[in-house]
Amino acid sequence: MEIRNFTTDIDKFLNGLEETTRSKVSKVLHMLIVVGSEIEMPYSKSLGGGLFELRVSGKISIRIIYCFHENCAILLHAFAKKTDKIAKKELDLAKKRQTSIL
């Protein structure tokens, strides 16, 4: 499966992570490439409405919200998760981006 970024801000965020975390993110993204929509917990979780989150744990928890479109996984938003729940503003941004591509 091909992975595309909605915006270059996602690359900037991921490239700005410390090396260990960036390596973990790369491994989870590779799993998404290999197994596509079959990726499951603890690496991916459905958020409903066609949105999913890639979950990367470590010193900081990284979340990448994505959707599937035209046989691709589209990375909509990436951020460091600081609380148990995803902040509404993070989810709203991903939903807005999803709407613009569908």
PDB file of N, CA and C in Angstrom:
ATOM      1  N   MET A   1       0.842  -1.178   0.000  1.00  0.00           N
ATOM      2  CA  MET A   1       0.000   0.000   0.000  1.00  0.00           C
ATOM      3  C   MET A   1       0.886   1.239   0.000  1.00  0.00           C
ATOM      4  N   GLU A   2       0.462   2.217  -0.736  1.00  0.00           N
ATOM      5  CA  GLU A   2       1.183   3.484  -0.793  1.00  0.00           C
ATOM      6  C   GLU A   2       0.698   4.397   0.333  1.00  0.00           C
ATOM      7  N   ILE A   3       1.617   5.182   0.885  1.00  0.00           N
ATOM      8  CA  ILE A   3       1.275   6.169   1.901  1.00  0.00           C
ATOM      9  C   ILE A   3       1.569   7.550   1.340  1.00  0.00           C
ATOM     10  N   ARG A   4       0.604   8.466   1.519  1.00  0.00           N
ATOM     11  CA  ARG A   4       0.795   9.851   1.099  1.00  0.00           C
ATOM     12  C   ARG A   4       0.514  10.769   2.286  1.00  0.00           C
ATOM     13  N   ASN A   5       1.203  11.875   2.319  1.00  0.00           N
ATOM     14  CA  ASN A   5       0.959  12.880   3.353  1.00  0.00           C
ATOM     15  C   ASN A   5       0.029  13.945   2.813  1.00  0.00           C
ATOM     16  N   PHE A   6      -0.904  14.373   3.632  1.00  0.00           N
ATOM     17  CA  PHE A   6      -1.814  15.430   3.234  1.00  0.00           C
ATOM     18  C   PHE A   6      -1.069  16.756   3.089  1.00  0.00           C
ATOM     19  N   THR A   7      -0.075  16.960   3.948  1.00  0.00           N
ATOM     20  CA  THR A   7       0.675  18.213   3.960  1.00  0.00           C
ATOM     21  C   THR A   7       2.134  17.954   4.357  1.00  0.00           C
ATOM     22  N   THR A   8       3.009  18.848   3.967  1.00  0.00           N
ATOM     23  CA  THR A   8       4.423  18.700   4.335  1.00  0.00           C
ATOM     24  C   THR A   8       4.642  18.929   5.829  1.00  0.00           C
ATOM     25  N   ASP A   9       3.659  19.509   6.510  1.00  0.00           N
ATOM     26  CA  ASP A   9       3.774  19.697   7.962  1.00  0.00           C
ATOM     27  C   ASP A   9       3.947  18.363   8.677  1.00  0.00           C
ATOM     28  N   ILE A  10       3.368  17.308   8.135  1.00  0.00           N
ATOM     29  CA  ILE A  10       3.494  15.979   8.740  1.00  0.00           C
ATOM     30  C   ILE A  10       4.947  15.530   8.666  1.00  0.00           C
ATOM     31  N   ASP A  11       5.582  15.691   7.506  1.00  0.00           N
ATOM     32  CA  ASP A  11       7.004  15.351   7.371  1.00  0.00           C
ATOM     33  C   ASP A  11       7.856  16.165   8.340  1.00  0.00           C
ATOM     34  N   LYS A  12       7.582  17.458   8.425  1.00  0.00           N
ATOM     35  CA  LYS A  12       8.355  18.323   9.322  1.00  0.00           C
ATOM     36  C   LYS A  12       8.230  17.858  10.763  1.00  0.00           C
ATOM     37  N   PHE A  13       7.017  17.516  11.176  1.00  0.00           N
ATOM     38  CA  PHE A  13       6.808  17.035  12.538  1.00  0.00           C
ATOM     39  C   PHE A  13       7.571  15.736  12.783  1.00  0.00           C
ATOM     40  N   LEU A  14       7.405  14.771  11.882  1.00  0.00           N
ATOM     41  CA  LEU A  14       8.042  13.466  12.060  1.00  0.00           C
ATOM     42  C   LEU A  14       9.565  13.569  11.998  1.00  0.00           C
ATOM     43  N   ASN A  15      10.081  14.378  11.094  1.00  0.00           N
ATOM     44  CA  ASN A  15      11.535  14.543  10.990  1.00  0.00           C
ATOM     45  C   ASN A  15      12.121  15.271  12.191  1.00  0.00           C
ATOM     46  N   GLY A  16      11.304  16.024  12.906  1.00  0.00           N
ATOM     47  CA  GLY A  16      11.765  16.744  14.082  1.00  0.00           C
ATOM     48  C   GLY A  16      11.789  15.916  15.353  1.00  0.00           C
ATOM     49  N   LEU A  17      11.299  14.682  15.281  1.00  0.00           N
ATOM     50  CA  LEU A  17      11.297  13.807  16.456  1.00  0.00           C
ATOM     51  C   LEU A  17      12.708  13.303  16.742  1.00  0.00           C
ATOM     52  N   GLU A  18      12.956  12.952  18.011  1.00  0.00           N
ATOM     53  CA  GLU A  18      14.257  12.379  18.328  1.00  0.00           C
ATOM     54  C   GLU A  18      14.387  11.008  17.654  1.00  0.00           C
ATOM     55  N   GLU A  19      15.604  10.579  17.452  1.00  0.00           N
ATOM     56  CA  GLU A  19      15.901   9.431  16.602  1.00  0.00           C
ATOM     57  C   GLU A  19      15.175   8.151  17.009  1.00  0.00           C
ATOM     58  N   THR A  20      15.120   7.836  18.289  1.00  0.00           N
ATOM     59  CA  THR A  20      14.468   6.599  18.730  1.00  0.00           C
ATOM     60  C   THR A  20      12.976   6.612  18.380  1.00  0.00           C
ATOM     61  N   THR A  21      12.327   7.727  18.638  1.00  0.00           N
ATOM     62  CA  THR A  21      10.897   7.844  18.328  1.00  0.00           C
ATOM     63  C   THR A  21      10.673   7.811  16.828  1.00  0.00           C
ATOM     64  N   ARG A  22      11.519   8.496  16.087  1.00  0.00           N
ATOM     65  CA  ARG A  22      11.404   8.501  14.616  1.00  0.00           C
ATOM     66  C   ARG A  22      11.543   7.083  14.066  1.00  0.00           C
ATOM     67  N   SER A  23      12.429   6.291  14.649  1.00  0.00           N
ATOM     68  CA  SER A  23      12.612   4.904  14.224  1.00  0.00           C
ATOM     69  C   SER A  23      11.354   4.081  14.492  1.00  0.00           C
ATOM     70  N   LYS A  24      10.737   4.282  15.652  1.00  0.00           N
ATOM     71  CA  LYS A  24       9.493   3.568  15.968  1.00  0.00           C
ATOM     72  C   LYS A  24       8.380   3.953  14.995  1.00  0.00           C
ATOM     73  N   VAL A  25       8.294   5.237  14.682  1.00  0.00           N
ATOM     74  CA  VAL A  25       7.288   5.704  13.728  1.00  0.00           C
ATOM     75  C   VAL A  25       7.515   5.041  12.370  1.00  0.00           C
ATOM     76  N   SER A  26       8.770   4.972  11.936  1.00  0.00           N
ATOM     77  CA  SER A  26       9.087   4.344  10.647  1.00  0.00           C
ATOM     78  C   SER A  26       8.647   2.887  10.617  1.00  0.00           C
ATOM     79  N   LYS A  27       8.857   2.171  11.715  1.00  0.00           N
ATOM     80  CA  LYS A  27       8.455   0.759  11.775  1.00  0.00           C
ATOM     81  C   LYS A  27       6.945   0.600  11.652  1.00  0.00           C
ATOM     82  N   VAL A  28       6.194   1.462  12.340  1.00  0.00           N
ATOM     83  CA  VAL A  28       4.730   1.368  12.279  1.00  0.00           C
ATOM     84  C   VAL A  28       4.223   1.773  10.888  1.00  0.00           C
ATOM     85  N   LEU A  29       4.835   2.792  10.292  1.00  0.00           N
ATOM     86  CA  LEU A  29       4.448   3.175   8.928  1.00  0.00           C
ATOM     87  C   LEU A  29       4.752   2.049   7.941  1.00  0.00           C
ATOM     88  N   HIS A  30       5.865   1.358   8.136  1.00  0.00           N
ATOM     89  CA  HIS A  30       6.207   0.221   7.272  1.00  0.00           C
ATOM     90  C   HIS A  30       5.151  -0.881   7.420  1.00  0.00           C
ATOM     91  N   MET A  31       4.699  -1.126   8.646  1.00  0.00           N
ATOM     92  CA  MET A  31       3.649  -2.126   8.855  1.00  0.00           C
ATOM     93  C   MET A  31       2.384  -1.728   8.098  1.00  0.00           C
ATOM     94  N   LEU A  32       2.056  -0.446   8.097  1.00  0.00           N
ATOM     95  CA  LEU A  32       0.878   0.030   7.363  1.00  0.00           C
ATOM     96  C   LEU A  32       1.049  -0.216   5.867  1.00  0.00           C
ATOM     97  N   ILE A  33       2.247   0.007   5.352  1.00  0.00           N
ATOM     98  CA  ILE A  33       2.522  -0.248   3.932  1.00  0.00           C
ATOM     99  C   ILE A  33       2.309  -1.722   3.611  1.00  0.00           C
ATOM    100  N   VAL A  34       2.819  -2.592   4.470  1.00  0.00           N
ATOM    101  CA  VAL A  34       2.800  -4.040   4.209  1.00  0.00           C
ATOM    102  C   VAL A  34       1.398  -4.632   4.361  1.00  0.00           C
ATOM    103  N   VAL A  35       0.702  -4.306   5.455  1.00  0.00           N
ATOM    104  CA  VAL A  35      -0.585  -4.973   5.714  1.00  0.00           C
ATOM    105  C   VAL A  35      -1.804  -4.103   5.420  1.00  0.00           C
ATOM    106  N   GLY A  36      -1.594  -2.828   5.136  1.00  0.00           N
ATOM    107  CA  GLY A  36      -2.707  -1.956   4.772  1.00  0.00           C
ATOM    108  C   GLY A  36      -3.783  -1.899   5.832  1.00  0.00           C
ATOM    109  N   SER A  37      -5.012  -2.052   5.416  1.00  0.00           N
ATOM    110  CA  SER A  37      -6.142  -1.914   6.336  1.00  0.00           C
ATOM    111  C   SER A  37      -6.247  -3.057   7.344  1.00  0.00           C
ATOM    112  N   GLU A  38      -5.397  -4.042   7.222  1.00  0.00           N
ATOM    113  CA  GLU A  38      -5.401  -5.170   8.163  1.00  0.00           C
ATOM    114  C   GLU A  38      -4.602  -4.873   9.430  1.00  0.00           C
ATOM    115  N   ILE A  39      -3.939  -3.730   9.499  1.00  0.00           N
ATOM    116  CA  ILE A  39      -3.159  -3.375  10.686  1.00  0.00           C
ATOM    117  C   ILE A  39      -4.115  -3.208  11.864  1.00  0.00           C
ATOM    118  N   GLU A  40      -3.731  -3.740  13.017  1.00  0.00           N
ATOM    119  CA  GLU A  40      -4.624  -3.768  14.176  1.00  0.00           C
ATOM    120  C   GLU A  40      -3.940  -3.210  15.411  1.00  0.00           C
ATOM    121  N   MET A  41      -4.696  -3.209  16.514  1.00  0.00           N
ATOM    122  CA  MET A  41      -4.153  -2.823  17.809  1.00  0.00           C
ATOM    123  C   MET A  41      -2.983  -3.741  18.131  1.00  0.00           C
ATOM    124  N   PRO A  42      -1.965  -3.282  18.760  1.00  0.00           N
ATOM    125  CA  PRO A  42      -1.840  -1.976  19.405  1.00  0.00           C
ATOM    126  C   PRO A  42      -1.296  -0.890  18.487  1.00  0.00           C
ATOM    127  N   TYR A  43      -1.166  -1.174  17.197  1.00  0.00           N
ATOM    128  CA  TYR A  43      -0.535  -0.227  16.267  1.00  0.00           C
ATOM    129  C   TYR A  43      -1.517   0.728  15.603  1.00  0.00           C
ATOM    130  N   SER A  44      -2.745   0.299  15.450  1.00  0.00           N
ATOM    131  CA  SER A  44      -3.740   1.134  14.785  1.00  0.00           C
ATOM    132  C   SER A  44      -5.100   0.919  15.430  1.00  0.00           C
ATOM    133  N   LYS A  45      -5.877   2.001  15.461  1.00  0.00           N
ATOM    134  CA  LYS A  45      -7.203   1.932  16.063  1.00  0.00           C
ATOM    135  C   LYS A  45      -8.158   2.775  15.227  1.00  0.00           C
ATOM    136  N   SER A  46      -9.366   2.269  15.036  1.00  0.00           N
ATOM    137  CA  SER A  46     -10.388   3.020  14.315  1.00  0.00           C
ATOM    138  C   SER A  46     -10.925   4.138  15.201  1.00  0.00           C
ATOM    139  N   LEU A  47     -11.086   5.310  14.609  1.00  0.00           N
ATOM    140  CA  LEU A  47     -11.672   6.448  15.320  1.00  0.00           C
ATOM    141  C   LEU A  47     -13.104   6.691  14.864  1.00  0.00           C
ATOM    142  N   GLY A  48     -13.568   5.894  13.897  1.00  0.00           N
ATOM    143  CA  GLY A  48     -14.907   6.055  13.349  1.00  0.00           C
ATOM    144  C   GLY A  48     -14.911   7.040  12.190  1.00  0.00           C
ATOM    145  N   GLY A  49     -15.922   6.964  11.374  1.00  0.00           N
ATOM    146  CA  GLY A  49     -16.067   7.879  10.245  1.00  0.00           C
ATOM    147  C   GLY A  49     -14.971   7.746   9.202  1.00  0.00           C
ATOM    148  N   GLY A  50     -14.336   6.573   9.131  1.00  0.00           N
ATOM    149  CA  GLY A  50     -13.282   6.361   8.146  1.00  0.00           C
ATOM    150  C   GLY A  50     -11.916   6.870   8.583  1.00  0.00           C
ATOM    151  N   LEU A  51     -11.797   7.333   9.815  1.00  0.00           N
ATOM    152  CA  LEU A  51     -10.514   7.789  10.346  1.00  0.00           C
ATOM    153  C   LEU A  51      -9.900   6.706  11.233  1.00  0.00           C
ATOM    154  N   PHE A  52      -8.581   6.636  11.195  1.00  0.00           N
ATOM    155  CA  PHE A  52      -7.828   5.689  11.999  1.00  0.00           C
ATOM    156  C   PHE A  52      -6.650   6.425  12.617  1.00  0.00           C
ATOM    157  N   GLU A  53      -6.130   5.865  13.719  1.00  0.00           N
ATOM    158  CA  GLU A  53      -4.937   6.451  14.310  1.00  0.00           C
ATOM    159  C   GLU A  53      -3.834   5.408  14.376  1.00  0.00           C
ATOM    160  N   LEU A  54      -2.661   5.789  13.913  1.00  0.00           N
ATOM    161  CA  LEU A  54      -1.470   4.982  14.152  1.00  0.00           C
ATOM    162  C   LEU A  54      -0.958   5.377  15.522  1.00  0.00           C
ATOM    163  N   ARG A  55      -0.576   4.373  16.311  1.00  0.00           N
ATOM    164  CA  ARG A  55      -0.187   4.600  17.693  1.00  0.00           C
ATOM    165  C   ARG A  55       1.271   4.203  17.884  1.00  0.00           C
ATOM    166  N   VAL A  56       2.075   5.154  18.314  1.00  0.00           N
ATOM    167  CA  VAL A  56       3.492   4.899  18.567  1.00  0.00           C
ATOM    168  C   VAL A  56       3.776   5.312  20.003  1.00  0.00           C
ATOM    169  N   SER A  57       4.192   4.328  20.821  1.00  0.00           N
ATOM    170  CA  SER A  57       4.467   4.598  22.227  1.00  0.00           C
ATOM    171  C   SER A  57       5.962   4.732  22.453  1.00  0.00           C
ATOM    172  N   GLY A  58       6.315   5.435  23.490  1.00  0.00           N
ATOM    173  CA  GLY A  58       7.707   5.637  23.858  1.00  0.00           C
ATOM    174  C   GLY A  58       7.779   6.724  24.904  1.00  0.00           C
ATOM    175  N   LYS A  59       8.891   7.443  24.946  1.00  0.00           N
ATOM    176  CA  LYS A  59       9.000   8.570  25.881  1.00  0.00           C
ATOM    177  C   LYS A  59       7.834   9.525  25.687  1.00  0.00           C
ATOM    178  N   ILE A  60       7.501   9.753  24.433  1.00  0.00           N
ATOM    179  CA  ILE A  60       6.304  10.518  24.103  1.00  0.00           C
ATOM    180  C   ILE A  60       5.447   9.650  23.191  1.00  0.00           C
ATOM    181  N   SER A  61       4.148   9.792  23.338  1.00  0.00           N
ATOM    182  CA  SER A  61       3.225   9.035  22.477  1.00  0.00           C
ATOM    183  C   SER A  61       2.928   9.862  21.237  1.00  0.00           C
ATOM    184  N   ILE A  62       3.116   9.245  20.082  1.00  0.00           N
ATOM    185  CA  ILE A  62       2.852   9.900  18.812  1.00  0.00           C
ATOM    186  C   ILE A  62       1.594   9.289  18.218  1.00  0.00           C
ATOM    187  N   ARG A  63       0.741  10.136  17.691  1.00  0.00           N
ATOM    188  CA  ARG A  63      -0.446   9.677  16.986  1.00  0.00           C
ATOM    189  C   ARG A  63      -0.429  10.260  15.582  1.00  0.00           C
ATOM    190  N   ILE A  64      -0.753   9.416  14.627  1.00  0.00           N
ATOM    191  CA  ILE A  64      -0.890   9.850  13.239  1.00  0.00           C
ATOM    192  C   ILE A  64      -2.285   9.446  12.793  1.00  0.00           C
ATOM    193  N   ILE A  65      -3.106  10.436  12.506  1.00  0.00           N
ATOM    194  CA  ILE A  65      -4.475  10.159  12.063  1.00  0.00           C
ATOM    195  C   ILE A  65      -4.455  10.050  10.541  1.00  0.00           C
ATOM    196  N   TYR A  66      -5.079   8.985  10.038  1.00  0.00           N
ATOM    197  CA  TYR A  66      -5.068   8.727   8.606  1.00  0.00           C
ATOM    198  C   TYR A  66      -6.404   8.173   8.141  1.00  0.00           C
ATOM    199  N   CYS A  67      -6.568   8.134   6.836  1.00  0.00           N
ATOM    200  CA  CYS A  67      -7.737   7.523   6.219  1.00  0.00           C
ATOM    201  C   CYS A  67      -7.265   6.799   4.956  1.00  0.00           C
ATOM    202  N   PHE A  68      -8.165   6.039   4.374  1.00  0.00           N
ATOM    203  CA  PHE A  68      -7.853   5.357   3.119  1.00  0.00           C
ATOM    204  C   PHE A  68      -8.612   6.050   1.995  1.00  0.00           C
ATOM    205  N   HIS A  69      -7.915   6.246   0.872  1.00  0.00           N
ATOM    206  CA  HIS A  69      -8.539   6.884  -0.292  1.00  0.00           C
ATOM    207  C   HIS A  69      -7.811   6.410  -1.541  1.00  0.00           C
ATOM    208  N   GLU A  70      -8.571   5.887  -2.490  1.00  0.00           N
ATOM    209  CA  GLU A  70      -8.020   5.418  -3.764  1.00  0.00           C
ATOM    210  C   GLU A  70      -6.800   4.515  -3.571  1.00  0.00           C
ATOM    211  N   ASN A  71      -6.962   3.465  -2.768  1.00  0.00           N
ATOM    212  CA  ASN A  71      -5.928   2.460  -2.508  1.00  0.00           C
ATOM    213  C   ASN A  71      -4.659   3.021  -1.882  1.00  0.00           C
ATOM    214  N   CYS A  72      -4.776   4.145  -1.203  1.00  0.00           N
ATOM    215  CA  CYS A  72      -3.650   4.752  -0.493  1.00  0.00           C
ATOM    216  C   CYS A  72      -4.075   5.038   0.943  1.00  0.00           C
ATOM    217  N   ALA A  73      -3.091   5.058   1.817  1.00  0.00           N
ATOM    218  CA  ALA A  73      -3.309   5.568   3.168  1.00  0.00           C
ATOM    219  C   ALA A  73      -2.857   7.023   3.143  1.00  0.00           C
ATOM    220  N   ILE A  74      -3.739   7.912   3.506  1.00  0.00           N
ATOM    221  CA  ILE A  74      -3.435   9.342   3.507  1.00  0.00           C
ATOM    222  C   ILE A  74      -3.217   9.776   4.952  1.00  0.00           C
ATOM    223  N   LEU A  75      -2.001  10.222   5.262  1.00  0.00           N
ATOM    224  CA  LEU A  75      -1.704  10.718   6.606  1.00  0.00           C
ATOM    225  C   LEU A  75      -2.241  12.142   6.695  1.00  0.00           C
ATOM    226  N   LEU A  76      -3.226  12.333   7.573  1.00  0.00           N
ATOM    227  CA  LEU A  76      -3.921  13.610   7.661  1.00  0.00           C
ATOM    228  C   LEU A  76      -3.318  14.547   8.706  1.00  0.00           C
ATOM    229  N   HIS A  77      -2.828  13.974   9.807  1.00  0.00           N
ATOM    230  CA  HIS A  77      -2.330  14.807  10.905  1.00  0.00           C
ATOM    231  C   HIS A  77      -1.449  13.960  11.816  1.00  0.00           C
ATOM    232  N   ALA A  78      -0.383  14.551  12.328  1.00  0.00           N
ATOM    233  CA  ALA A  78       0.512  13.859  13.265  1.00  0.00           C
ATOM    234  C   ALA A  78       0.792  14.804  14.425  1.00  0.00           C
ATOM    235  N   PHE A  79       0.823  14.235  15.637  1.00  0.00           N
ATOM    236  CA  PHE A  79       1.033  15.063  16.820  1.00  0.00           C
ATOM    237  C   PHE A  79       1.491  14.202  17.989  1.00  0.00           C
ATOM    238  N   ALA A  80       2.029  14.871  18.998  1.00  0.00           N
ATOM    239  CA  ALA A  80       2.396  14.195  20.247  1.00  0.00           C
ATOM    240  C   ALA A  80       1.155  14.209  21.136  1.00  0.00           C
ATOM    241  N   LYS A  81       0.781  13.044  21.607  1.00  0.00           N
ATOM    242  CA  LYS A  81      -0.410  12.913  22.433  1.00  0.00           C
ATOM    243  C   LYS A  81      -0.017  13.122  23.888  1.00  0.00           C
ATOM    244  N   LYS A  82      -0.682  14.049  24.557  1.00  0.00           N
ATOM    245  CA  LYS A  82      -0.296  14.407  25.918  1.00  0.00           C
ATOM    246  C   LYS A  82      -1.308  13.984  26.968  1.00  0.00           C
ATOM    247  N   THR A  83      -2.501  13.588  26.551  1.00  0.00           N
ATOM    248  CA  THR A  83      -3.538  13.157  27.493  1.00  0.00           C
ATOM    249  C   THR A  83      -4.089  11.812  27.033  1.00  0.00           C
ATOM    250  N   ASP A  84      -4.974  11.237  27.845  1.00  0.00           N
ATOM    251  CA  ASP A  84      -5.550   9.941  27.499  1.00  0.00           C
ATOM    252  C   ASP A  84      -6.417   9.995  26.247  1.00  0.00           C
ATOM    253  N   LYS A  85      -7.128  11.081  26.065  1.00  0.00           N
ATOM    254  CA  LYS A  85      -7.998  11.223  24.899  1.00  0.00           C
ATOM    255  C   LYS A  85      -7.336  12.131  23.871  1.00  0.00           C
ATOM    256  N   ILE A  86      -7.701  11.926  22.617  1.00  0.00           N
ATOM    257  CA  ILE A  86      -7.217  12.813  21.557  1.00  0.00           C
ATOM    258  C   ILE A  86      -7.944  14.147  21.704  1.00  0.00           C
ATOM    259  N   ALA A  87      -7.187  15.225  21.707  1.00  0.00           N
ATOM    260  CA  ALA A  87      -7.775  16.558  21.836  1.00  0.00           C
ATOM    261  C   ALA A  87      -8.725  16.827  20.676  1.00  0.00           C
ATOM    262  N   LYS A  88      -9.838  17.501  20.972  1.00  0.00           N
ATOM    263  CA  LYS A  88     -10.844  17.789  19.965  1.00  0.00           C
ATOM    264  C   LYS A  88     -10.255  18.558  18.783  1.00  0.00           C
ATOM    265  N   LYS A  89      -9.358  19.511  19.041  1.00  0.00           N
ATOM    266  CA  LYS A  89      -8.790  20.305  17.942  1.00  0.00           C
ATOM    267  C   LYS A  89      -7.968  19.430  17.003  1.00  0.00           C
ATOM    268  N   GLU A  90      -7.292  18.404  17.529  1.00  0.00           N
ATOM    269  CA  GLU A  90      -6.500  17.503  16.688  1.00  0.00           C
ATOM    270  C   GLU A  90      -7.419  16.678  15.791  1.00  0.00           C
ATOM    271  N   LEU A  91      -8.489  16.160  16.374  1.00  0.00           N
ATOM    272  CA  LEU A  91      -9.448  15.344  15.621  1.00  0.00           C
ATOM    273  C   LEU A  91     -10.207  16.193  14.601  1.00  0.00           C
ATOM    274  N   ASP A  92     -10.577  17.394  14.986  1.00  0.00           N
ATOM    275  CA  ASP A  92     -11.295  18.283  14.065  1.00  0.00           C
ATOM    276  C   ASP A  92     -10.447  18.628  12.844  1.00  0.00           C
ATOM    277  N   LEU A  93      -9.155  18.868  13.053  1.00  0.00           N
ATOM    278  CA  LEU A  93      -8.260  19.168  11.932  1.00  0.00           C
ATOM    279  C   LEU A  93      -8.197  17.983  10.968  1.00  0.00           C
ATOM    280  N   ALA A  94      -8.057  16.772  11.509  1.00  0.00           N
ATOM    281  CA  ALA A  94      -8.006  15.575  10.671  1.00  0.00           C
ATOM    282  C   ALA A  94      -9.310  15.395   9.889  1.00  0.00           C
ATOM    283  N   LYS A  95     -10.450  15.625  10.550  1.00  0.00           N
ATOM    284  CA  LYS A  95     -11.753  15.491   9.882  1.00  0.00           C
ATOM    285  C   LYS A  95     -11.896  16.501   8.751  1.00  0.00           C
ATOM    286  N   LYS A  96     -11.452  17.725   8.993  1.00  0.00           N
ATOM    287  CA  LYS A  96     -11.514  18.765   7.966  1.00  0.00           C
ATOM    288  C   LYS A  96     -10.677  18.374   6.756  1.00  0.00           C
ATOM    289  N   ARG A  97      -9.487  17.851   7.006  1.00  0.00           N
ATOM    290  CA  ARG A  97      -8.620  17.427   5.917  1.00  0.00           C
ATOM    291  C   ARG A  97      -9.205  16.238   5.181  1.00  0.00           C
ATOM    292  N   GLN A  98      -9.795  15.304   5.919  1.00  0.00           N
ATOM    293  CA  GLN A  98     -10.433  14.137   5.287  1.00  0.00           C
ATOM    294  C   GLN A  98     -11.558  14.589   4.364  1.00  0.00           C
ATOM    295  N   THR A  99     -12.371  15.499   4.823  1.00  0.00           N
ATOM    296  CA  THR A  99     -13.493  16.010   4.024  1.00  0.00           C
ATOM    297  C   THR A  99     -13.008  16.626   2.724  1.00  0.00           C
ATOM    298  N   SER A 100     -11.874  17.303   2.758  1.00  0.00           N
ATOM    299  CA  SER A 100     -11.379  17.980   1.557  1.00  0.00           C
ATOM    300  C   SER A 100     -10.839  17.021   0.488  1.00  0.00           C
ATOM    301  N   ILE A 101     -10.536  15.778   0.865  1.00  0.00           N
ATOM    302  CA  ILE A 101     -10.028  14.833  -0.145  1.00  0.00           C
ATOM    303  C   ILE A 101     -11.086  13.851  -0.627  1.00  0.00           C
ATOM    304  N   LEU A 102     -12.183  13.747   0.092  1.00  0.00           N
ATOM    305  CA  LEU A 102     -13.215  12.778  -0.291  1.00  0.00           C
ATOM    306  C   LEU A 102     -14.253  13.355  -1.200  1.00  0.00           C
TER     307      LEU A 102
END
